[in-house]
Amino acid sequence: MTLIDFHSGLTVLFFIVFIGMVIWVFLPSRKTVYDNAAQLPFDGEPAQQEKRNHE
């Protein structure tokens, strides 16, 4: 096994992992998780801004 074979194998492995992650992210069952995460900025009270001293 040469270094080129090793790099080729890693490239294929990372590509398979990437495709698996893309499929996992876009599963229909994950929609509720992403909908809840999208609403987080609008939930609760707005953060109070600190007074800044511009010196």
C-alpha atoms as a PDB file:
ATOM      1  CA  MET A   1       0.000   0.000   0.000  1.00  0.00           C
ATOM      2  CA  THR A   2       1.486   3.293  -1.068  1.00  0.00           C
ATOM      3  CA  LEU A   3       0.823   6.763   0.222  1.00  0.00           C
ATOM      4  CA  ILE A   4      -1.319   7.491  -2.847  1.00  0.00           C
ATOM      5  CA  ASP A   5      -3.546   4.509  -2.037  1.00  0.00           C
ATOM      6  CA  PHE A   6      -3.881   5.742   1.542  1.00  0.00           C
ATOM      7  CA  HIS A   7      -4.881   9.241   0.415  1.00  0.00           C
ATOM      8  CA  SER A   8      -7.349   7.817  -2.096  1.00  0.00           C
ATOM      9  CA  GLY A   9      -8.923   5.676   0.604  1.00  0.00           C
ATOM     10  CA  LEU A  10      -9.235   8.646   2.948  1.00  0.00           C
ATOM     11  CA  THR A  11     -10.842  10.705   0.195  1.00  0.00           C
ATOM     12  CA  VAL A  12     -13.443   8.002  -0.424  1.00  0.00           C
ATOM     13  CA  LEU A  13     -14.044   7.610   3.327  1.00  0.00           C
ATOM     14  CA  PHE A  14     -14.560  11.344   3.872  1.00  0.00           C
ATOM     15  CA  PHE A  15     -16.849  11.541   0.845  1.00  0.00           C
ATOM     16  CA  ILE A  16     -19.012   8.722   2.229  1.00  0.00           C
ATOM     17  CA  VAL A  17     -19.130  10.442   5.632  1.00  0.00           C
ATOM     18  CA  PHE A  18     -20.084  13.729   3.963  1.00  0.00           C
ATOM     19  CA  ILE A  19     -22.919  12.120   1.983  1.00  0.00           C
ATOM     20  CA  GLY A  20     -24.132  10.408   5.163  1.00  0.00           C
ATOM     21  CA  MET A  21     -24.191  13.718   7.023  1.00  0.00           C
ATOM     22  CA  VAL A  22     -26.083  15.437   4.204  1.00  0.00           C
ATOM     23  CA  ILE A  23     -28.692  12.676   4.206  1.00  0.00           C
ATOM     24  CA  TRP A  24     -28.974  12.841   8.014  1.00  0.00           C
ATOM     25  CA  VAL A  25     -29.436  16.628   7.983  1.00  0.00           C
ATOM     26  CA  PHE A  26     -32.172  16.562   5.356  1.00  0.00           C
ATOM     27  CA  LEU A  27     -34.213  13.695   6.809  1.00  0.00           C
ATOM     28  CA  PRO A  28     -37.894  14.675   7.102  1.00  0.00           C
ATOM     29  CA  SER A  29     -37.929  13.554  10.741  1.00  0.00           C
ATOM     30  CA  ARG A  30     -35.376  16.307  11.586  1.00  0.00           C
ATOM     31  CA  LYS A  31     -37.748  19.073  10.426  1.00  0.00           C
ATOM     32  CA  THR A  32     -39.217  19.654  13.886  1.00  0.00           C
ATOM     33  CA  VAL A  33     -35.737  20.034  15.385  1.00  0.00           C
ATOM     34  CA  TYR A  34     -34.808  22.676  12.826  1.00  0.00           C
ATOM     35  CA  ASP A  35     -38.165  24.458  13.153  1.00  0.00           C
ATOM     36  CA  ASN A  36     -37.635  24.716  16.911  1.00  0.00           C
ATOM     37  CA  ALA A  37     -34.082  25.977  16.427  1.00  0.00           C
ATOM     38  CA  ALA A  38     -35.301  28.571  13.922  1.00  0.00           C
ATOM     39  CA  GLN A  39     -37.693  30.006  16.516  1.00  0.00           C
ATOM     40  CA  LEU A  40     -35.066  30.388  19.271  1.00  0.00           C
ATOM     41  CA  PRO A  41     -34.207  34.023  18.427  1.00  0.00           C
ATOM     42  CA  PHE A  42     -37.874  34.980  18.775  1.00  0.00           C
ATOM     43  CA  ASP A  43     -38.557  33.195  22.076  1.00  0.00           C
ATOM     44  CA  GLY A  44     -38.325  34.873  25.442  1.00  0.00           C
ATOM     45  CA  GLU A  45     -37.487  38.426  26.311  1.00  0.00           C
ATOM     46  CA  PRO A  46     -35.145  40.508  24.227  1.00  0.00           C
ATOM     47  CA  ALA A  47     -31.666  40.847  25.645  1.00  0.00           C
ATOM     48  CA  GLN A  48     -30.930  44.126  27.343  1.00  0.00           C
ATOM     49  CA  GLN A  49     -28.255  46.119  25.664  1.00  0.00           C
ATOM     50  CA  GLU A  50     -25.437  47.397  27.808  1.00  0.00           C
ATOM     51  CA  LYS A  51     -24.616  51.069  27.803  1.00  0.00           C
ATOM     52  CA  ARG A  52     -21.326  51.565  26.086  1.00  0.00           C
ATOM     53  CA  ASN A  53     -18.807  54.169  27.066  1.00  0.00           C
ATOM     54  CA  HIS A  54     -17.243  55.638  23.956  1.00  0.00           C
ATOM     55  CA  GLU A  55     -14.115  57.323  25.191  1.00  0.00           C
END
